[in-house]
Amino acid sequence: SNALTPWEVIVKRLKAAASGGFVTVLYNPRS
């Protein structure tokens, strides 16, 4: 959800999760 968090910030976090090898849980995935 980018209602309160800028999408650019979310992208950074997704990249970190992916490159770090984390299992990742996505909340509020689609609306």
PDB file of all heavy atoms in Angstrom:
ATOM      1  N   SER A   1       0.843  -1.199   0.000  1.00  0.00           N
ATOM      2  CA  SER A   1       0.000   0.000   0.000  1.00  0.00           C
ATOM      3  C   SER A   1       0.875   1.245   0.000  1.00  0.00           C
ATOM      4  O   SER A   1       1.707   1.432   0.892  1.00  0.00           O
ATOM      5  CB  SER A   1      -0.913   0.005   1.224  1.00  0.00           C
ATOM      6  OG  SER A   1      -1.619   1.232   1.298  1.00  0.00           O
ATOM      7  N   ASN A   2       0.669   2.086  -0.985  1.00  0.00           N
ATOM      8  CA  ASN A   2       1.433   3.336  -1.056  1.00  0.00           C
ATOM      9  C   ASN A   2       0.613   4.538  -0.601  1.00  0.00           C
ATOM     10  O   ASN A   2       0.909   5.672  -0.935  1.00  0.00           O
ATOM     11  CB  ASN A   2       1.972   3.564  -2.468  1.00  0.00           C
ATOM     12  CG  ASN A   2       0.869   3.629  -3.520  1.00  0.00           C
ATOM     13  OD1 ASN A   2      -0.295   3.357  -3.228  1.00  0.00           O
ATOM     14  ND2 ASN A   2       1.231   3.975  -4.745  1.00  0.00           N
ATOM     15  N   ALA A   3      -0.434   4.279   0.193  1.00  0.00           N
ATOM     16  CA  ALA A   3      -1.254   5.373   0.705  1.00  0.00           C
ATOM     17  C   ALA A   3      -0.478   6.226   1.704  1.00  0.00           C
ATOM     18  O   ALA A   3      -0.627   7.454   1.727  1.00  0.00           O
ATOM     19  CB  ALA A   3      -2.512   4.812   1.367  1.00  0.00           C
ATOM     20  N   LEU A   4       0.364   5.588   2.516  1.00  0.00           N
ATOM     21  CA  LEU A   4       1.126   6.314   3.539  1.00  0.00           C
ATOM     22  C   LEU A   4       2.633   6.230   3.315  1.00  0.00           C
ATOM     23  O   LEU A   4       3.387   6.999   3.905  1.00  0.00           O
ATOM     24  CB  LEU A   4       0.789   5.760   4.930  1.00  0.00           C
ATOM     25  CG  LEU A   4      -0.667   5.870   5.369  1.00  0.00           C
ATOM     26  CD1 LEU A   4      -0.879   5.186   6.711  1.00  0.00           C
ATOM     27  CD2 LEU A   4      -1.109   7.325   5.447  1.00  0.00           C
ATOM     28  N   THR A   5       3.067   5.280   2.493  1.00  0.00           N
ATOM     29  CA  THR A   5       4.491   5.097   2.211  1.00  0.00           C
ATOM     30  C   THR A   5       4.738   5.289   0.718  1.00  0.00           C
ATOM     31  O   THR A   5       4.081   4.628  -0.096  1.00  0.00           O
ATOM     32  CB  THR A   5       4.953   3.684   2.620  1.00  0.00           C
ATOM     33  OG1 THR A   5       4.633   3.474   4.001  1.00  0.00           O
ATOM     34  CG2 THR A   5       6.447   3.516   2.409  1.00  0.00           C
ATOM     35  N   PRO A   6       5.651   6.164   0.313  1.00  0.00           N
ATOM     36  CA  PRO A   6       5.910   6.383  -1.121  1.00  0.00           C
ATOM     37  C   PRO A   6       6.338   5.080  -1.800  1.00  0.00           C
ATOM     38  O   PRO A   6       7.069   4.261  -1.212  1.00  0.00           O
ATOM     39  CB  PRO A   6       7.043   7.412  -1.127  1.00  0.00           C
ATOM     40  CG  PRO A   6       6.947   8.096   0.192  1.00  0.00           C
ATOM     41  CD  PRO A   6       6.477   7.053   1.162  1.00  0.00           C
ATOM     42  N   TRP A   7       5.894   4.894  -3.039  1.00  0.00           N
ATOM     43  CA  TRP A   7       6.229   3.676  -3.774  1.00  0.00           C
ATOM     44  C   TRP A   7       7.735   3.521  -3.921  1.00  0.00           C
ATOM     45  O   TRP A   7       8.258   2.407  -3.900  1.00  0.00           O
ATOM     46  CB  TRP A   7       5.541   3.673  -5.136  1.00  0.00           C
ATOM     47  CG  TRP A   7       5.847   2.454  -5.960  1.00  0.00           C
ATOM     48  CD1 TRP A   7       6.501   2.405  -7.163  1.00  0.00           C
ATOM     49  CD2 TRP A   7       5.516   1.098  -5.636  1.00  0.00           C
ATOM     50  NE1 TRP A   7       6.597   1.105  -7.610  1.00  0.00           N
ATOM     51  CE2 TRP A   7       5.999   0.275  -6.686  1.00  0.00           C
ATOM     52  CE3 TRP A   7       4.870   0.487  -4.555  1.00  0.00           C
ATOM     53  CZ2 TRP A   7       5.859  -1.108  -6.697  1.00  0.00           C
ATOM     54  CZ3 TRP A   7       4.714  -0.895  -4.570  1.00  0.00           C
ATOM     55  CH2 TRP A   7       5.210  -1.672  -5.622  1.00  0.00           C
ATOM     56  N   GLU A   8       8.462   4.615  -4.039  1.00  0.00           N
ATOM     57  CA  GLU A   8       9.913   4.541  -4.186  1.00  0.00           C
ATOM     58  C   GLU A   8      10.552   3.892  -2.954  1.00  0.00           C
ATOM     59  O   GLU A   8      11.526   3.146  -3.067  1.00  0.00           O
ATOM     60  CB  GLU A   8      10.503   5.944  -4.391  1.00  0.00           C
ATOM     61  CG  GLU A   8      10.096   6.632  -5.689  1.00  0.00           C
ATOM     62  CD  GLU A   8       8.682   7.181  -5.653  1.00  0.00           C
ATOM     63  OE1 GLU A   8       8.109   7.277  -4.541  1.00  0.00           O
ATOM     64  OE2 GLU A   8       8.145   7.522  -6.730  1.00  0.00           O
ATOM     65  N   VAL A   9       9.997   4.163  -1.789  1.00  0.00           N
ATOM     66  CA  VAL A   9      10.500   3.554  -0.558  1.00  0.00           C
ATOM     67  C   VAL A   9      10.170   2.060  -0.530  1.00  0.00           C
ATOM     68  O   VAL A   9      10.997   1.222  -0.140  1.00  0.00           O
ATOM     69  CB  VAL A   9       9.906   4.263   0.677  1.00  0.00           C
ATOM     70  CG1 VAL A   9      10.305   3.537   1.959  1.00  0.00           C
ATOM     71  CG2 VAL A   9      10.348   5.717   0.721  1.00  0.00           C
ATOM     72  N   ILE A  10       8.965   1.727  -0.953  1.00  0.00           N
ATOM     73  CA  ILE A  10       8.548   0.326  -0.997  1.00  0.00           C
ATOM     74  C   ILE A  10       9.449  -0.454  -1.945  1.00  0.00           C
ATOM     75  O   ILE A  10       9.852  -1.594  -1.653  1.00  0.00           O
ATOM     76  CB  ILE A  10       7.070   0.209  -1.418  1.00  0.00           C
ATOM     77  CG1 ILE A  10       6.183   0.884  -0.367  1.00  0.00           C
ATOM     78  CG2 ILE A  10       6.666  -1.249  -1.602  1.00  0.00           C
ATOM     79  CD1 ILE A  10       4.727   1.001  -0.766  1.00  0.00           C
ATOM     80  N   VAL A  11       9.793   0.141  -3.082  1.00  0.00           N
ATOM     81  CA  VAL A  11      10.673  -0.525  -4.054  1.00  0.00           C
ATOM     82  C   VAL A  11      12.019  -0.846  -3.421  1.00  0.00           C
ATOM     83  O   VAL A  11      12.562  -1.954  -3.598  1.00  0.00           O
ATOM     84  CB  VAL A  11      10.846   0.352  -5.312  1.00  0.00           C
ATOM     85  CG1 VAL A  11      11.987  -0.169  -6.183  1.00  0.00           C
ATOM     86  CG2 VAL A  11       9.554   0.388  -6.113  1.00  0.00           C
ATOM     87  N   LYS A  12      12.596   0.093  -2.669  1.00  0.00           N
ATOM     88  CA  LYS A  12      13.879  -0.146  -1.996  1.00  0.00           C
ATOM     89  C   LYS A  12      13.783  -1.330  -1.046  1.00  0.00           C
ATOM     90  O   LYS A  12      14.689  -2.164  -0.965  1.00  0.00           O
ATOM     91  CB  LYS A  12      14.321   1.105  -1.240  1.00  0.00           C
ATOM     92  CG  LYS A  12      14.739   2.269  -2.129  1.00  0.00           C
ATOM     93  CD  LYS A  12      15.164   3.462  -1.275  1.00  0.00           C
ATOM     94  CE  LYS A  12      15.572   4.649  -2.140  1.00  0.00           C
ATOM     95  NZ  LYS A  12      15.960   5.824  -1.302  1.00  0.00           N
ATOM     96  N   ARG A  13      12.681  -1.402  -0.336  1.00  0.00           N
ATOM     97  CA  ARG A  13      12.507  -2.490   0.626  1.00  0.00           C
ATOM     98  C   ARG A  13      12.328  -3.831  -0.079  1.00  0.00           C
ATOM     99  O   ARG A  13      12.837  -4.859   0.386  1.00  0.00           O
ATOM    100  CB  ARG A  13      11.312  -2.173   1.531  1.00  0.00           C
ATOM    101  CG  ARG A  13      11.578  -0.971   2.426  1.00  0.00           C
ATOM    102  CD  ARG A  13      10.348  -0.488   3.171  1.00  0.00           C
ATOM    103  NE  ARG A  13      10.690   0.664   4.010  1.00  0.00           N
ATOM    104  CZ  ARG A  13       9.806   1.415   4.661  1.00  0.00           C
ATOM    105  NH1 ARG A  13       8.513   1.133   4.573  1.00  0.00           N
ATOM    106  NH2 ARG A  13      10.208   2.437   5.396  1.00  0.00           N
ATOM    107  N   LEU A  14      11.607  -3.824  -1.186  1.00  0.00           N
ATOM    108  CA  LEU A  14      11.425  -5.063  -1.954  1.00  0.00           C
ATOM    109  C   LEU A  14      12.758  -5.553  -2.508  1.00  0.00           C
ATOM    110  O   LEU A  14      13.054  -6.760  -2.476  1.00  0.00           O
ATOM    111  CB  LEU A  14      10.419  -4.835  -3.082  1.00  0.00           C
ATOM    112  CG  LEU A  14       8.964  -4.613  -2.653  1.00  0.00           C
ATOM    113  CD1 LEU A  14       8.129  -4.155  -3.849  1.00  0.00           C
ATOM    114  CD2 LEU A  14       8.368  -5.877  -2.052  1.00  0.00           C
ATOM    115  N   LYS A  15      13.553  -4.632  -3.033  1.00  0.00           N
ATOM    116  CA  LYS A  15      14.865  -5.012  -3.565  1.00  0.00           C
ATOM    117  C   LYS A  15      15.748  -5.595  -2.471  1.00  0.00           C
ATOM    118  O   LYS A  15      16.451  -6.586  -2.690  1.00  0.00           O
ATOM    119  CB  LYS A  15      15.542  -3.798  -4.212  1.00  0.00           C
ATOM    120  CG  LYS A  15      14.924  -3.366  -5.530  1.00  0.00           C
ATOM    121  CD  LYS A  15      15.680  -2.180  -6.121  1.00  0.00           C
ATOM    122  CE  LYS A  15      15.111  -1.784  -7.482  1.00  0.00           C
ATOM    123  NZ  LYS A  15      15.840  -0.612  -8.054  1.00  0.00           N
ATOM    124  N   ALA A  16      15.693  -4.985  -1.286  1.00  0.00           N
ATOM    125  CA  ALA A  16      16.499  -5.490  -0.172  1.00  0.00           C
ATOM    126  C   ALA A  16      16.043  -6.883   0.248  1.00  0.00           C
ATOM    127  O   ALA A  16      16.867  -7.764   0.538  1.00  0.00           O
ATOM    128  CB  ALA A  16      16.409  -4.528   1.010  1.00  0.00           C
ATOM    129  N   ALA A  17      14.728  -7.095   0.274  1.00  0.00           N
ATOM    130  CA  ALA A  17      14.199  -8.405   0.644  1.00  0.00           C
ATOM    131  C   ALA A  17      14.607  -9.469  -0.366  1.00  0.00           C
ATOM    132  O   ALA A  17      15.019 -10.578  -0.003  1.00  0.00           O
ATOM    133  CB  ALA A  17      12.677  -8.335   0.748  1.00  0.00           C
ATOM    134  N   ALA A  18      14.489  -9.113  -1.642  1.00  0.00           N
ATOM    135  CA  ALA A  18      14.826 -10.076  -2.697  1.00  0.00           C
ATOM    136  C   ALA A  18      16.316 -10.392  -2.706  1.00  0.00           C
ATOM    137  O   ALA A  18      16.726 -11.560  -2.748  1.00  0.00           O
ATOM    138  CB  ALA A  18      14.391  -9.529  -4.053  1.00  0.00           C
ATOM    139  N   SER A  19      17.156  -9.357  -2.655  1.00  0.00           N
ATOM    140  CA  SER A  19      18.604  -9.579  -2.713  1.00  0.00           C
ATOM    141  C   SER A  19      19.123 -10.242  -1.443  1.00  0.00           C
ATOM    142  O   SER A  19      20.145 -10.927  -1.451  1.00  0.00           O
ATOM    143  CB  SER A  19      19.338  -8.251  -2.946  1.00  0.00           C
ATOM    144  OG  SER A  19      19.116  -7.357  -1.865  1.00  0.00           O
ATOM    145  N   GLY A  20      18.406 -10.080  -0.327  1.00  0.00           N
ATOM    146  CA  GLY A  20      18.821 -10.675   0.934  1.00  0.00           C
ATOM    147  C   GLY A  20      18.401 -12.114   1.104  1.00  0.00           C
ATOM    148  O   GLY A  20      18.767 -12.747   2.097  1.00  0.00           O
ATOM    149  N   GLY A  21      17.634 -12.636   0.162  1.00  0.00           N
ATOM    150  CA  GLY A  21      17.219 -14.030   0.236  1.00  0.00           C
ATOM    151  C   GLY A  21      16.136 -14.313   1.260  1.00  0.00           C
ATOM    152  O   GLY A  21      15.971 -15.457   1.701  1.00  0.00           O
ATOM    153  N   PHE A  22      15.403 -13.298   1.645  1.00  0.00           N
ATOM    154  CA  PHE A  22      14.330 -13.498   2.621  1.00  0.00           C
ATOM    155  C   PHE A  22      13.096 -14.126   1.977  1.00  0.00           C
ATOM    156  O   PHE A  22      12.740 -13.787   0.843  1.00  0.00           O
ATOM    157  CB  PHE A  22      13.900 -12.153   3.222  1.00  0.00           C
ATOM    158  CG  PHE A  22      14.907 -11.521   4.126  1.00  0.00           C
ATOM    159  CD1 PHE A  22      15.787 -10.557   3.629  1.00  0.00           C
ATOM    160  CD2 PHE A  22      14.971 -11.862   5.460  1.00  0.00           C
ATOM    161  CE1 PHE A  22      16.710  -9.954   4.465  1.00  0.00           C
ATOM    162  CE2 PHE A  22      15.901 -11.258   6.304  1.00  0.00           C
ATOM    163  CZ  PHE A  22      16.774 -10.309   5.803  1.00  0.00           C
ATOM    164  N   VAL A  23      12.422 -15.011   2.689  1.00  0.00           N
ATOM    165  CA  VAL A  23      11.038 -15.291   2.371  1.00  0.00           C
ATOM    166  C   VAL A  23      10.280 -13.997   2.657  1.00  0.00           C
ATOM    167  O   VAL A  23      10.502 -13.356   3.682  1.00  0.00           O
ATOM    168  CB  VAL A  23      10.474 -16.437   3.230  1.00  0.00           C
ATOM    169  CG1 VAL A  23       8.976 -16.589   3.011  1.00  0.00           C
ATOM    170  CG2 VAL A  23      11.187 -17.740   2.903  1.00  0.00           C
ATOM    171  N   THR A  24       9.417 -13.593   1.738  1.00  0.00           N
ATOM    172  CA  THR A  24       8.775 -12.288   1.865  1.00  0.00           C
ATOM    173  C   THR A  24       7.261 -12.420   1.855  1.00  0.00           C
ATOM    174  O   THR A  24       6.696 -13.103   1.004  1.00  0.00           O
ATOM    175  CB  THR A  24       9.210 -11.350   0.730  1.00  0.00           C
ATOM    176  OG1 THR A  24      10.649 -11.257   0.728  1.00  0.00           O
ATOM    177  CG2 THR A  24       8.631  -9.954   0.918  1.00  0.00           C
ATOM    178  N   VAL A  25       6.627 -11.765   2.817  1.00  0.00           N
ATOM    179  CA  VAL A  25       5.172 -11.740   2.904  1.00  0.00           C
ATOM    180  C   VAL A  25       4.697 -10.362   2.469  1.00  0.00           C
ATOM    181  O   VAL A  25       5.196  -9.344   2.968  1.00  0.00           O
ATOM    182  CB  VAL A  25       4.697 -12.031   4.338  1.00  0.00           C
ATOM    183  CG1 VAL A  25       3.169 -12.129   4.377  1.00  0.00           C
ATOM    184  CG2 VAL A  25       5.332 -13.316   4.868  1.00  0.00           C
ATOM    185  N   LEU A  26       3.761 -10.331   1.539  1.00  0.00           N
ATOM    186  CA  LEU A  26       3.243  -9.065   1.025  1.00  0.00           C
ATOM    187  C   LEU A  26       1.840  -8.823   1.551  1.00  0.00           C
ATOM    188  O   LEU A  26       0.925  -9.620   1.321  1.00  0.00           O
ATOM    189  CB  LEU A  26       3.228  -9.081  -0.512  1.00  0.00           C
ATOM    190  CG  LEU A  26       4.576  -9.299  -1.208  1.00  0.00           C
ATOM    191  CD1 LEU A  26       4.390  -9.295  -2.721  1.00  0.00           C
ATOM    192  CD2 LEU A  26       5.592  -8.241  -0.785  1.00  0.00           C
ATOM    193  N   TYR A  27       1.684  -7.715   2.292  1.00  0.00           N
ATOM    194  CA  TYR A  27       0.366  -7.286   2.744  1.00  0.00           C
ATOM    195  C   TYR A  27      -0.188  -6.287   1.730  1.00  0.00           C
ATOM    196  O   TYR A  27       0.559  -5.616   1.013  1.00  0.00           O
ATOM    197  CB  TYR A  27       0.470  -6.595   4.103  1.00  0.00           C
ATOM    198  CG  TYR A  27       0.651  -7.523   5.294  1.00  0.00           C
ATOM    199  CD1 TYR A  27       1.304  -8.749   5.189  1.00  0.00           C
ATOM    200  CD2 TYR A  27       0.167  -7.159   6.542  1.00  0.00           C
ATOM    201  CE1 TYR A  27       1.468  -9.575   6.279  1.00  0.00           C
ATOM    202  CE2 TYR A  27       0.337  -7.977   7.649  1.00  0.00           C
ATOM    203  CZ  TYR A  27       0.989  -9.191   7.515  1.00  0.00           C
ATOM    204  OH  TYR A  27       1.149 -10.008   8.607  1.00  0.00           O
ATOM    205  N   ASN A  28      -1.517  -6.162   1.689  1.00  0.00           N
ATOM    206  CA  ASN A  28      -2.193  -5.200   0.801  1.00  0.00           C
ATOM    207  C   ASN A  28      -1.661  -5.306  -0.630  1.00  0.00           C
ATOM    208  O   ASN A  28      -1.234  -4.311  -1.224  1.00  0.00           O
ATOM    209  CB  ASN A  28      -1.993  -3.774   1.317  1.00  0.00           C
ATOM    210  CG  ASN A  28      -2.394  -3.621   2.770  1.00  0.00           C
ATOM    211  OD1 ASN A  28      -3.486  -3.997   3.164  1.00  0.00           O
ATOM    212  ND2 ASN A  28      -1.495  -3.075   3.577  1.00  0.00           N
ATOM    213  N   PRO A  29      -1.688  -6.501  -1.210  1.00  0.00           N
ATOM    214  CA  PRO A  29      -0.990  -6.705  -2.481  1.00  0.00           C
ATOM    215  C   PRO A  29      -1.647  -6.080  -3.706  1.00  0.00           C
ATOM    216  O   PRO A  29      -0.953  -5.706  -4.649  1.00  0.00           O
ATOM    217  CB  PRO A  29      -0.960  -8.233  -2.624  1.00  0.00           C
ATOM    218  CG  PRO A  29      -2.162  -8.693  -1.872  1.00  0.00           C
ATOM    219  CD  PRO A  29      -2.283  -7.759  -0.707  1.00  0.00           C
ATOM    220  N   ARG A  30      -2.958  -5.959  -3.694  1.00  0.00           N
ATOM    221  CA  ARG A  30      -3.618  -5.460  -4.909  1.00  0.00           C
ATOM    222  C   ARG A  30      -4.962  -4.855  -4.533  1.00  0.00           C
ATOM    223  O   ARG A  30      -5.678  -5.390  -3.699  1.00  0.00           O
ATOM    224  CB  ARG A  30      -3.809  -6.610  -5.903  1.00  0.00           C
ATOM    225  CG  ARG A  30      -4.399  -6.209  -7.241  1.00  0.00           C
ATOM    226  CD  ARG A  30      -4.501  -7.433  -8.147  1.00  0.00           C
ATOM    227  NE  ARG A  30      -3.197  -7.799  -8.719  1.00  0.00           N
ATOM    228  CZ  ARG A  30      -2.903  -9.011  -9.171  1.00  0.00           C
ATOM    229  NH1 ARG A  30      -3.783  -9.989  -9.066  1.00  0.00           N
ATOM    230  NH2 ARG A  30      -1.714  -9.241  -9.703  1.00  0.00           N
ATOM    231  N   SER A  31      -5.295  -3.742  -5.156  1.00  0.00           N
ATOM    232  CA  SER A  31      -6.605  -3.124  -4.948  1.00  0.00           C
ATOM    233  C   SER A  31      -7.083  -2.523  -6.271  1.00  0.00           C
ATOM    234  O   SER A  31      -6.348  -2.491  -7.263  1.00  0.00           O
ATOM    235  CB  SER A  31      -6.522  -2.028  -3.879  1.00  0.00           C
ATOM    236  OG  SER A  31      -5.791  -0.915  -4.362  1.00  0.00           O
TER     237      SER A  31
END
